[in-house]
Amino acid sequence: MKCRNCGTEIAAKAIVCFRCGTATTDPIYKAPSANRTRPSSASLVFSILAMLVIGAFAVYLTRIYAPGTSGTFSWIVVAFAVVIVTLRGFARRMRR
């Protein structure tokens, strides 16, 4: 068998050419490409929209559920939801 790179005669069962080091067959597994995509701003926009919807829902609950009370519980729930959305977005950015 001849090397496909340098043309040297090599053994039929050789894995690489002894002269130039070229592999005799194509690799089974291809290496991942180094081209990483830039994170999109869609996740940031989605997070901001989610926080706005949660805030609007809290205002709605405060006015409808108990018009005479302060609505502390509703705001605690909203704060908790905002923290969850923020941490989720932060975790996604750290993975990229």
Protein backbone atom coordinates (compact mmCIF):
# COMPACT_ATOMS: atom_id res chain seq x y z
CA MET A 1 0.00 0.00 0.00
CA LYS A 2 1.20 3.53 -0.71
CA CYS A 3 0.85 6.55 1.56
CA ARG A 4 -1.74 8.95 0.21
CA ASN A 5 0.39 11.94 1.24
CA CYS A 6 4.01 11.15 0.39
CA GLY A 7 3.70 8.00 -1.75
CA THR A 8 6.02 5.86 0.41
CA GLU A 9 5.39 2.12 0.33
CA ILE A 10 3.93 1.10 3.73
CA ALA A 11 2.50 -2.09 5.23
CA ALA A 12 -1.07 -2.99 4.36
CA LYS A 13 -2.18 -2.92 8.01
CA ALA A 14 -0.38 0.31 8.88
CA ILE A 15 -2.35 2.94 10.74
CA VAL A 16 -0.02 5.83 9.92
CA CYS A 17 2.80 6.39 7.47
CA PHE A 18 6.19 5.84 9.12
CA ARG A 19 7.76 8.59 7.04
CA CYS A 20 5.29 11.52 7.17
CA GLY A 21 2.87 10.46 9.93
CA THR A 22 -0.28 10.80 7.81
CA ALA A 23 -3.16 8.52 8.81
CA THR A 24 -4.03 5.82 6.31
CA THR A 25 -7.79 6.18 6.89
CA ASP A 26 -10.12 9.03 7.70
CA PRO A 27 -10.92 9.46 11.41
CA ILE A 28 -14.16 7.91 12.64
CA TYR A 29 -14.90 10.75 15.04
CA LYS A 30 -14.48 14.32 13.89
CA ALA A 31 -13.21 16.92 16.35
CA PRO A 32 -15.73 19.59 17.32
CA SER A 33 -15.34 22.82 15.44
CA ALA A 34 -13.74 25.74 17.23
CA ASN A 35 -16.31 28.10 15.76
CA ARG A 36 -18.52 29.04 18.69
CA THR A 37 -21.64 31.01 18.02
CA ARG A 38 -22.16 34.26 19.82
CA PRO A 39 -24.92 34.20 22.42
CA SER A 40 -28.06 35.75 21.07
CA SER A 41 -29.83 38.60 22.77
CA ALA A 42 -33.13 36.73 22.47
CA SER A 43 -32.69 35.12 25.90
CA LEU A 44 -32.06 38.53 27.47
CA VAL A 45 -35.16 39.97 25.81
CA PHE A 46 -37.18 36.96 26.93
CA SER A 47 -35.97 37.37 30.53
CA ILE A 48 -36.90 41.05 30.57
CA LEU A 49 -40.33 40.31 29.12
CA ALA A 50 -40.86 37.56 31.69
CA MET A 51 -40.03 39.96 34.52
CA LEU A 52 -42.43 42.57 33.13
CA VAL A 53 -45.23 40.01 32.87
CA ILE A 54 -44.58 38.84 36.43
CA GLY A 55 -44.63 42.42 37.68
CA ALA A 56 -47.89 43.16 35.85
CA PHE A 57 -49.40 40.01 37.31
CA ALA A 58 -48.39 41.13 40.82
CA VAL A 59 -50.02 44.52 40.33
CA TYR A 60 -53.14 42.78 39.04
CA LEU A 61 -53.22 40.46 42.06
CA THR A 62 -52.72 43.33 44.48
CA ARG A 63 -55.64 45.31 43.03
CA ILE A 64 -58.05 42.42 42.49
CA TYR A 65 -57.29 40.03 45.34
CA ALA A 66 -57.15 42.45 48.26
CA PRO A 67 -57.80 46.10 47.41
CA GLY A 68 -57.39 47.29 51.00
CA THR A 69 -54.20 45.40 51.94
CA SER A 70 -50.57 46.15 51.16
CA GLY A 71 -50.04 43.06 48.99
CA THR A 72 -46.75 42.11 50.64
CA PHE A 73 -47.21 38.45 49.82
CA SER A 74 -47.71 39.22 46.12
CA TRP A 75 -44.51 41.27 46.00
CA ILE A 76 -42.57 38.52 47.80
CA VAL A 77 -43.74 36.04 45.16
CA VAL A 78 -42.76 38.47 42.39
CA ALA A 79 -39.33 39.06 43.93
CA PHE A 80 -38.80 35.30 44.17
CA ALA A 81 -39.82 34.83 40.51
CA VAL A 82 -37.53 37.66 39.37
CA VAL A 83 -34.61 36.11 41.24
CA ILE A 84 -35.30 32.74 39.58
CA VAL A 85 -35.49 34.28 36.09
CA THR A 86 -32.33 36.31 36.69
CA LEU A 87 -30.36 33.33 37.98
CA ARG A 88 -31.54 31.21 35.07
CA GLY A 89 -30.37 33.81 32.55
CA PHE A 90 -27.06 34.19 34.37
CA ALA A 91 -26.52 30.41 34.36
CA ARG A 92 -27.19 30.26 30.61
CA ARG A 93 -24.67 33.00 29.91
CA MET A 94 -22.03 31.26 32.04
CA ARG A 95 -22.45 27.98 30.11
CA ARG A 96 -21.63 29.69 26.80
